[in-house]
């Protein structure tokens, strides 16, 4: 079945079918080599230079293993198995330069995310022809990735659920390349304990320790890597540079799939560094200057400093949306700047705003995973995870984080102003750590 093996530092040897080899060698997939998995996190963790390409191979590998395991309790044909692996390989095909850093700008200006672009690429690039020539349907792959159509729900959950191939590879790979050990999880035990129950993937409670370790890893990697204060500080500079240079270098003004596929990390960095304010008039000249200045600071690691941090407990959807509303954040920035006596552009209120990381704190119930216990007759009995795990009950009181960043020389006055501005948060959103 496998015609070639690729050596991967995380999973060992990853087998590739002939179909997967043909699809892997297309431009849209090869382009993922030029997109870093963790954006500019390498400025904090020097080893974090791994790409969306290697992550996609890892997800394909784990998705295939999950499909094999689920065959014990569900009908998964050989064709389904191949489609599931292809869905894993292509699940991130729509990511733009610097992954989620770019996605925030894309959402703002084009009301699109990487999944929307992924559909367009699978349907409208050379990928579509290669997939069809291999005897498969682009639409079938999309339905598994997005969970649409008539396909069984558990097929989609292999690549997108609380415990999926994406998150498992994310944790293992990011842990390996950052050197942060918190993401090391027992994927083999988790996959072996999976079964299908009521058209959903559930985990046998016999693997409770492995599942708890997975949940802890999600939480710890969020705090230690994905939302590390200097990782976010670098990301803020990058996002500002891309926002200022957006129209000047055509970041979100691309027309069609072919233009989008030219965008990768190197292209964007080069274009932003080469911006010459003298070539623009009035407003655009100012934008070019600001974009180039952000890149200069990023290149020299002149990062913003966190002047204030507040951990908040959010258990209702209203407060969750309030924290992620861009206009609310800008309003708070203006209030803090006014009280601190600094330019509003020198103040950034930062909160996690995308749910495409292994632990996204604003999921209303991120820890409740479907589980089952095996009855005396061998059947599966559904169970509620929180009834069996004290640890999960503790983690359900999840923490969201609000930070305020500024220049080092404004740190003291911005800290005082932020304390005053945020002291009025509702009591329901506060937690004593």
Protein backbone atom coordinates (compact mmCIF):
# COMPACT_ATOMS: atom_id res chain seq x y z
CA UNK A 1 0.00 0.00 0.00
CA UNK A 2 2.77 2.44 0.92
CA UNK A 3 5.20 3.10 -1.91
CA UNK A 4 7.57 5.38 -0.02
CA UNK A 5 8.50 6.31 3.55
CA UNK A 6 9.44 9.77 4.78
CA UNK A 7 11.57 10.19 7.87
CA UNK A 8 9.85 12.44 10.41
CA UNK A 9 11.51 13.50 13.69
CA UNK A 10 8.23 13.24 15.58
CA UNK A 11 6.56 10.06 14.28
CA UNK A 12 9.47 8.14 12.79
CA UNK A 13 8.80 6.82 9.30
CA UNK A 14 5.58 8.08 7.68
CA UNK A 15 4.29 5.84 4.90
CA UNK A 16 3.03 7.43 1.67
CA UNK A 17 0.68 5.90 -0.89
CA UNK A 18 1.08 6.60 -4.59
CA UNK A 19 -1.96 8.91 -4.46
CA UNK A 20 -0.46 10.87 -1.57
CA UNK A 21 2.87 11.19 -3.35
CA UNK A 22 1.21 12.68 -6.42
CA UNK A 23 -0.79 15.15 -4.34
CA UNK A 24 2.15 16.03 -2.09
CA UNK A 25 4.23 17.05 -5.12
CA UNK A 26 1.77 19.72 -6.25
CA UNK A 27 2.59 23.41 -5.80
CA UNK A 28 -0.19 24.12 -3.25
CA UNK A 29 1.13 21.42 -0.91
CA UNK A 30 4.82 22.18 -1.46
CA UNK A 31 4.09 25.85 -0.74
CA UNK A 32 3.41 24.86 2.89
CA UNK A 33 7.15 24.31 3.33
CA UNK A 34 7.48 28.11 3.25
CA UNK A 35 4.97 28.76 6.02
CA UNK A 36 6.14 28.41 9.61
CA UNK A 37 3.84 26.50 11.89
CA UNK A 38 4.33 28.93 14.79
CA UNK A 39 4.81 32.19 12.91
CA UNK A 40 7.52 34.20 14.72
CA UNK A 41 7.71 32.03 17.84
CA UNK A 42 11.30 31.20 16.83
CA UNK A 43 12.29 34.60 18.25
CA UNK A 44 11.49 33.11 21.64
CA UNK A 45 12.07 29.42 20.92
CA UNK A 46 14.91 29.28 18.34
CA UNK A 47 14.06 25.74 17.28
CA UNK A 48 10.47 26.58 16.31
CA UNK A 49 11.18 26.77 12.59
CA UNK A 50 9.03 23.81 11.55
CA UNK A 51 6.52 24.26 8.76
CA UNK A 52 2.88 23.66 7.95
CA UNK A 53 4.15 21.05 5.50
CA UNK A 54 5.66 18.76 8.13
CA UNK A 55 2.62 19.27 10.36
CA UNK A 56 0.31 18.27 7.50
CA UNK A 57 2.29 15.06 6.96
CA UNK A 58 1.99 14.32 10.67
CA UNK A 59 -1.77 14.90 10.68
CA UNK A 60 -2.15 12.62 7.66
CA UNK A 61 -0.17 9.92 9.48
CA UNK A 62 -2.18 10.14 12.71
CA UNK A 63 -5.49 10.40 10.84
CA UNK A 64 -4.70 7.10 9.13
CA UNK A 65 -3.89 5.49 12.48
CA UNK A 66 -7.14 6.78 13.97
CA UNK A 67 -9.12 5.40 11.02
CA UNK A 68 -7.50 1.99 11.51
CA UNK A 69 -8.38 2.01 15.21
CA UNK A 70 -11.99 3.06 14.58
CA UNK A 71 -12.51 0.18 12.16
CA UNK A 72 -13.15 -2.00 15.21
CA UNK A 73 -16.40 -0.15 15.87
CA UNK A 74 -17.34 1.48 12.56
CA UNK A 75 -17.37 0.71 8.87
CA UNK A 76 -14.42 2.47 7.24
CA UNK A 77 -13.57 1.25 3.77
CA UNK A 78 -10.15 1.40 2.16
CA UNK A 79 -11.39 4.32 0.09
CA UNK A 80 -12.55 6.10 3.25
CA UNK A 81 -9.16 5.45 4.82
CA UNK A 82 -7.42 7.11 1.89
CA UNK A 83 -9.85 10.05 1.88
CA UNK A 84 -9.28 10.57 5.61
CA UNK A 85 -5.52 10.64 5.13
CA UNK A 86 -5.89 13.10 2.25
CA UNK A 87 -8.10 15.29 4.44
CA UNK A 88 -5.32 15.28 7.02
CA UNK A 89 -2.72 16.17 4.39
CA UNK A 90 -4.82 19.04 3.01
CA UNK A 91 -6.55 20.36 6.13
CA UNK A 92 -4.18 23.39 6.34
CA UNK A 93 -3.77 23.96 2.60
CA UNK A 94 -5.44 27.39 2.85
CA UNK A 95 -3.06 28.89 5.39
CA UNK A 96 -1.45 32.16 4.44
CA UNK A 97 2.01 33.48 5.38
CA UNK A 98 2.82 33.15 9.07
CA UNK A 99 -0.28 31.03 9.61
CA UNK A 100 -2.66 32.50 12.19
CA UNK A 101 -0.91 35.89 12.30
CA UNK A 102 -2.06 36.47 8.72
CA UNK A 103 -5.47 34.96 9.30
CA UNK A 104 -6.54 37.76 11.64
CA UNK A 105 -5.86 40.30 8.88
CA UNK A 106 -7.56 38.12 6.27
CA UNK A 107 -10.68 37.83 8.42
CA UNK A 108 -10.77 41.57 8.93
CA UNK A 109 -10.37 42.58 5.27
CA UNK A 110 -11.84 39.66 3.33
CA UNK A 111 -14.15 37.95 5.87
CA UNK A 112 -12.38 34.67 5.05
CA UNK A 113 -10.33 32.17 7.02
CA UNK A 114 -7.86 29.47 6.01
CA UNK A 115 -10.65 26.90 5.74
CA UNK A 116 -12.49 29.03 3.19
CA UNK A 117 -9.32 29.43 1.14
CA UNK A 118 -8.61 25.73 1.54
CA UNK A 119 -11.88 24.88 -0.19
CA UNK A 120 -11.04 27.23 -3.06
CA UNK A 121 -7.57 25.72 -3.46
CA UNK A 122 -8.78 22.11 -3.39
CA UNK A 123 -11.50 22.91 -5.93
CA UNK A 124 -9.79 25.54 -8.08
CA UNK A 125 -6.08 24.75 -8.37
CA UNK A 126 -4.03 21.97 -9.94
CA UNK A 127 -4.91 19.94 -6.84
CA UNK A 128 -8.40 19.32 -8.19
CA UNK A 129 -7.08 17.75 -11.39
CA UNK A 130 -4.56 15.56 -9.58
CA UNK A 131 -7.17 14.37 -7.09
CA UNK A 132 -9.61 13.51 -9.87
CA UNK A 133 -6.93 11.76 -11.91
CA UNK A 134 -6.23 9.60 -8.86
CA UNK A 135 -9.89 8.52 -8.81
CA UNK A 136 -11.08 10.64 -5.89
CA UNK A 137 -13.42 13.59 -5.49
CA UNK A 138 -12.24 16.99 -4.21
CA UNK A 139 -15.73 17.43 -2.78
CA UNK A 140 -15.42 14.28 -0.67
CA UNK A 141 -12.17 15.52 0.86
CA UNK A 142 -13.72 18.92 1.59
CA UNK A 143 -16.76 17.29 3.22
CA UNK A 144 -14.48 15.41 5.63
CA UNK A 145 -12.42 18.50 6.44
CA UNK A 146 -15.45 20.74 7.00
CA UNK A 147 -17.91 18.18 8.34
CA UNK A 148 -20.41 18.96 5.61
CA UNK A 149 -22.36 16.72 3.28
CA UNK A 150 -23.67 13.28 4.12
CA UNK A 151 -20.46 11.70 5.30
CA UNK A 152 -20.40 10.09 8.75
CA UNK A 153 -19.66 12.59 11.51
CA UNK A 154 -16.83 10.54 12.96
CA UNK A 155 -14.85 10.84 9.71
CA UNK A 156 -14.77 14.62 10.12
CA UNK A 157 -13.95 14.31 13.82
CA UNK A 158 -10.74 12.47 12.97
CA UNK A 159 -9.34 15.77 11.66
CA UNK A 160 -11.46 18.23 13.66
CA UNK A 161 -12.71 17.55 17.19
CA UNK A 162 -11.62 17.89 20.80
CA UNK A 163 -9.18 14.99 20.43
CA UNK A 164 -8.20 14.89 16.76
CA UNK A 165 -5.16 14.15 14.62
CA UNK A 166 -4.54 17.89 14.14
CA UNK A 167 -4.26 18.69 17.86
CA UNK A 168 -2.24 15.58 18.64
CA UNK A 169 0.37 16.38 16.00
CA UNK A 170 0.30 20.06 16.92
CA UNK A 171 1.17 19.28 20.53
CA UNK A 172 3.86 16.70 19.78
CA UNK A 173 5.50 18.67 16.97
CA UNK A 174 5.43 22.07 18.66
CA UNK A 175 6.75 20.52 21.87
CA UNK A 176 9.58 18.81 20.00
CA UNK A 177 10.72 21.87 18.06
CA UNK A 178 10.29 24.45 20.83
CA UNK A 179 11.89 22.20 23.43
CA UNK A 180 8.91 22.77 25.74
CA UNK A 181 8.19 19.31 27.12
CA UNK A 182 4.58 20.01 28.08
CA UNK A 183 3.15 18.73 24.79
CA UNK A 184 4.50 15.19 25.03
CA UNK A 185 1.45 12.95 25.07
CA UNK A 186 0.74 9.23 24.64
CA UNK A 187 -0.96 9.33 21.25
CA UNK A 188 -0.72 5.58 20.77
CA UNK A 189 -2.76 4.91 23.90
CA UNK A 190 -5.31 7.57 23.00
CA UNK A 191 -5.79 6.26 19.47
CA UNK A 192 -5.99 2.64 20.63
CA UNK A 193 -8.74 3.60 23.11
CA UNK A 194 -10.94 5.38 20.56
CA UNK A 195 -14.25 4.03 19.35
CA UNK A 196 -17.37 5.22 17.57
CA UNK A 197 -20.51 5.71 19.63
CA UNK A 198 -23.68 7.34 18.26
CA UNK A 199 -21.75 8.51 15.16
CA UNK A 200 -19.17 10.28 17.36
CA UNK A 201 -15.62 9.48 18.34
CA UNK A 202 -15.36 8.68 22.04
CA UNK A 203 -12.51 7.54 24.27
CA UNK A 204 -12.57 4.47 26.52
CA UNK A 205 -12.27 5.47 30.18
CA UNK A 206 -9.56 2.85 30.54
CA UNK A 207 -7.33 5.45 28.88
CA UNK A 208 -8.36 8.18 31.34
CA UNK A 209 -4.79 8.98 32.39
CA UNK A 210 -3.71 9.45 28.77
CA UNK A 211 -6.74 11.65 28.11
CA UNK A 212 -6.07 13.77 31.20
CA UNK A 213 -2.44 14.17 30.12
CA UNK A 214 -3.64 15.32 26.69
CA UNK A 215 -5.90 17.95 28.27
CA UNK A 216 -3.13 19.18 30.55
CA UNK A 217 -0.78 19.38 27.57
CA UNK A 218 -3.25 21.57 25.67
CA UNK A 219 -3.49 23.93 28.61
CA UNK A 220 0.23 24.03 29.40
CA UNK A 221 1.28 24.57 25.78
CA UNK A 222 -1.18 27.45 25.53
CA UNK A 223 0.44 29.19 28.48
CA UNK A 224 4.06 28.25 27.77
CA UNK A 225 4.20 28.56 23.97
CA UNK A 226 1.16 29.81 22.07
CA UNK A 227 0.44 32.67 24.48
CA UNK A 228 3.92 33.18 25.90
CA UNK A 229 4.37 36.90 26.55
CA UNK A 230 7.33 37.39 24.19
CA UNK A 231 5.84 35.14 21.49
CA UNK A 232 2.79 37.38 21.46
CA UNK A 233 4.96 40.53 21.60
CA UNK A 234 6.74 39.47 18.40
CA UNK A 235 3.44 38.49 16.80
CA UNK A 236 2.02 41.95 17.53
CA UNK A 237 4.87 43.60 15.61
CA UNK A 238 4.41 41.21 12.70
CA UNK A 239 0.65 41.78 12.56
CA UNK A 240 1.15 45.54 12.69
CA UNK A 241 3.68 45.35 9.84
CA UNK A 242 1.27 43.28 7.74
CA UNK A 243 -1.66 45.55 8.56
CA UNK A 244 0.25 48.69 7.61
CA UNK A 245 1.60 47.08 4.44
CA UNK A 246 -1.55 45.20 3.50
CA UNK A 247 -2.62 47.21 0.46
CA UNK A 248 0.92 48.28 -0.43
CA UNK A 249 2.09 44.72 -1.10
CA UNK A 250 -1.29 43.10 -1.88
CA UNK A 251 -1.55 40.86 1.17
CA UNK A 252 -5.32 40.50 1.11
CA UNK A 253 -6.12 42.02 -2.27
CA UNK A 254 -5.21 38.88 -4.24
CA UNK A 255 -7.56 37.90 -7.07
CA UNK A 256 -8.08 34.18 -7.27
CA UNK A 257 -6.23 31.14 -6.02
CA UNK A 258 -3.14 31.53 -8.21
CA UNK A 259 -2.30 34.95 -6.77
CA UNK A 260 -2.84 33.73 -3.21
CA UNK A 261 -0.47 30.80 -3.72
CA UNK A 262 2.40 33.23 -4.27
CA UNK A 263 2.14 34.32 -0.64
CA UNK A 264 4.46 32.65 1.84
CA UNK A 265 6.63 33.85 4.74
CA UNK A 266 9.67 34.77 2.65
CA UNK A 267 7.64 36.69 0.08
CA UNK A 268 5.92 38.81 2.72
CA UNK A 269 9.06 39.50 4.75
CA UNK A 270 11.00 40.54 1.65
CA UNK A 271 8.24 42.82 0.36
CA UNK A 272 7.80 44.50 3.76
CA UNK A 273 11.53 45.04 4.25
CA UNK A 274 11.89 46.54 0.77
CA UNK A 275 9.07 49.08 1.14
CA UNK A 276 10.43 52.51 0.22
CA UNK A 277 8.30 55.34 1.64
CA UNK A 278 9.70 57.71 -1.01
CA UNK A 279 7.84 55.79 -3.71
CA UNK A 280 4.45 56.54 -2.15
CA UNK A 281 2.38 59.64 -1.63
CA UNK A 282 0.92 61.10 1.60
CA UNK A 283 -1.07 58.45 3.50
CA UNK A 284 0.56 55.48 1.78
CA UNK A 285 3.98 56.91 2.52
CA UNK A 286 3.16 56.93 6.22
CA UNK A 287 1.92 53.34 6.05
CA UNK A 288 5.10 52.25 4.25
CA UNK A 289 7.23 53.93 6.89
CA UNK A 290 5.32 52.28 9.73
CA UNK A 291 5.40 48.83 8.12
CA UNK A 292 9.14 49.04 7.50
CA UNK A 293 9.70 50.29 11.06
CA UNK A 294 7.80 47.31 12.49
CA UNK A 295 9.99 44.97 10.42
CA UNK A 296 13.14 46.76 11.55
CA UNK A 297 12.17 46.23 15.18
CA UNK A 298 11.21 42.62 14.52
CA UNK A 299 14.53 41.93 12.77
CA UNK A 300 16.41 43.36 15.77
CA UNK A 301 14.07 41.72 18.29
CA UNK A 302 13.12 45.08 19.76
CA UNK A 303 9.91 43.69 21.19
CA UNK A 304 7.12 45.36 23.07
CA UNK A 305 6.94 44.65 26.79
CA UNK A 306 3.96 43.38 28.74
CA UNK A 307 3.01 46.16 31.15
CA UNK A 308 -0.08 44.45 32.53
CA UNK A 309 -1.61 40.98 32.69
CA UNK A 310 -4.98 39.91 33.98
CA UNK A 311 -6.20 36.32 34.23
CA UNK A 312 -9.96 36.10 33.89
CA UNK A 313 -12.46 33.33 34.36
CA UNK A 314 -14.98 33.30 31.56
CA UNK A 315 -17.80 30.80 31.62
CA UNK A 316 -20.50 32.49 29.58
CA UNK A 317 -20.62 33.24 25.88
CA UNK A 318 -21.39 36.93 26.32
CA UNK A 319 -18.18 37.72 28.21
CA UNK A 320 -16.22 35.47 25.83
CA UNK A 321 -17.36 37.48 22.81
CA UNK A 322 -16.81 40.76 24.64
CA UNK A 323 -13.12 39.96 25.16
CA UNK A 324 -12.60 39.06 21.50
CA UNK A 325 -14.36 42.13 20.04
CA UNK A 326 -11.74 44.22 18.24
CA UNK A 327 -13.53 47.51 18.76
CA UNK A 328 -13.78 46.86 22.51
CA UNK A 329 -10.03 46.24 22.61
CA UNK A 330 -9.31 49.46 20.70
CA UNK A 331 -11.58 51.38 23.06
CA UNK A 332 -9.59 50.04 26.02
CA UNK A 333 -6.34 50.97 24.29
CA UNK A 334 -7.52 54.55 23.88
CA UNK A 335 -8.62 54.75 27.52
CA UNK A 336 -5.30 53.39 28.77
CA UNK A 337 -3.29 55.67 26.47
CA UNK A 338 -5.21 58.73 27.62
CA UNK A 339 -4.68 57.94 31.29
CA UNK A 340 -1.01 57.11 30.69
CA UNK A 341 -0.38 60.20 28.57
CA UNK A 342 0.96 58.29 25.56
CA UNK A 343 -0.03 57.91 21.91
CA UNK A 344 -2.76 55.25 21.49
CA UNK A 345 -0.54 53.51 18.91
CA UNK A 346 1.89 52.76 21.73
CA UNK A 347 -0.67 50.63 23.59
CA UNK A 348 -1.86 47.18 22.54
CA UNK A 349 -4.52 45.16 24.36
CA UNK A 350 -3.93 41.53 23.49
CA UNK A 351 -6.21 38.54 24.00
CA UNK A 352 -6.33 35.16 22.24
CA UNK A 353 -8.53 35.74 19.20
CA UNK A 354 -8.35 32.56 17.11
CA UNK A 355 -9.60 29.09 17.98
CA UNK A 356 -7.18 27.17 15.77
CA UNK A 357 -4.69 26.31 18.51
CA UNK A 358 -4.73 23.10 20.53
CA UNK A 359 -6.09 24.92 23.58
CA UNK A 360 -8.41 27.82 22.90
CA UNK A 361 -9.62 29.15 26.25
CA UNK A 362 -12.76 30.73 24.90
CA UNK A 363 -14.41 27.40 24.06
CA UNK A 364 -17.31 27.42 26.49
CA UNK A 365 -16.62 23.83 27.60
CA UNK A 366 -13.22 22.87 26.20
CA UNK A 367 -12.62 19.90 28.48
CA UNK A 368 -15.79 17.82 28.04
CA UNK A 369 -14.73 15.04 25.66
CA UNK A 370 -17.08 12.14 24.78
CA UNK A 371 -16.05 9.05 26.75
CA UNK A 372 -17.48 5.60 27.34
CA UNK A 373 -17.08 2.65 29.65
CA UNK A 374 -17.28 -0.94 28.48
CA UNK A 375 -20.26 -2.73 30.01
CA UNK A 376 -20.26 -6.34 31.19
CA UNK A 377 -21.87 -7.44 27.93
CA UNK A 378 -19.07 -5.76 25.94
CA UNK A 379 -21.18 -2.82 24.78
CA UNK A 380 -20.28 0.85 25.15
CA UNK A 381 -22.02 2.93 27.80
CA UNK A 382 -21.75 6.72 27.34
CA UNK A 383 -20.28 8.61 30.27
CA UNK A 384 -19.54 12.19 31.25
CA UNK A 385 -15.82 12.80 31.60
CA UNK A 386 -16.19 15.25 34.47
CA UNK A 387 -17.93 12.56 36.52
CA UNK A 388 -14.80 10.41 36.41
CA UNK A 389 -11.99 12.95 36.50
CA UNK A 390 -11.40 15.43 39.30
CA UNK A 391 -8.64 16.93 37.22
CA UNK A 392 -11.01 17.75 34.36
CA UNK A 393 -13.36 19.45 36.80
CA UNK A 394 -10.50 21.70 37.90
CA UNK A 395 -9.43 22.49 34.33
CA UNK A 396 -13.00 23.36 33.32
CA UNK A 397 -12.51 26.58 35.25
CA UNK A 398 -10.26 27.67 32.40
CA UNK A 399 -8.26 30.85 32.32
CA UNK A 400 -8.29 33.50 29.65
CA UNK A 401 -5.62 36.18 29.61
CA UNK A 402 -5.70 39.89 28.92
CA UNK A 403 -2.35 41.58 28.40
CA UNK A 404 -1.39 45.16 27.68
CA UNK A 405 1.83 45.78 25.74
CA UNK A 406 3.79 48.97 25.22
CA UNK A 407 7.27 50.35 24.63
CA UNK A 408 9.75 49.63 27.48
CA UNK A 409 10.04 53.34 28.38
CA UNK A 410 6.24 53.67 28.83
CA UNK A 411 5.85 50.51 30.89
CA UNK A 412 5.28 52.06 34.33
CA UNK A 413 2.63 54.61 33.39
CA UNK A 414 0.83 52.16 31.08
CA UNK A 415 0.75 49.57 33.87
CA UNK A 416 -0.87 52.05 36.27
CA UNK A 417 -3.40 53.12 33.66
CA UNK A 418 -4.28 49.53 32.71
CA UNK A 419 -4.86 48.59 36.34
CA UNK A 420 -7.31 51.45 36.63
CA UNK A 421 -9.10 50.67 33.35
CA UNK A 422 -9.49 46.94 33.93
CA UNK A 423 -10.42 47.06 37.60
CA UNK A 424 -14.05 47.43 36.49
CA UNK A 425 -14.26 43.97 34.91
CA UNK A 426 -17.39 42.18 36.18
CA UNK A 427 -16.86 39.97 39.22
CA UNK A 428 -18.17 37.00 37.24
CA UNK A 429 -15.11 37.25 35.02
CA UNK A 430 -12.53 37.26 37.80
CA UNK A 431 -10.61 34.41 39.34
CA UNK A 432 -8.03 34.16 42.06
CA UNK A 433 -5.16 32.02 40.87
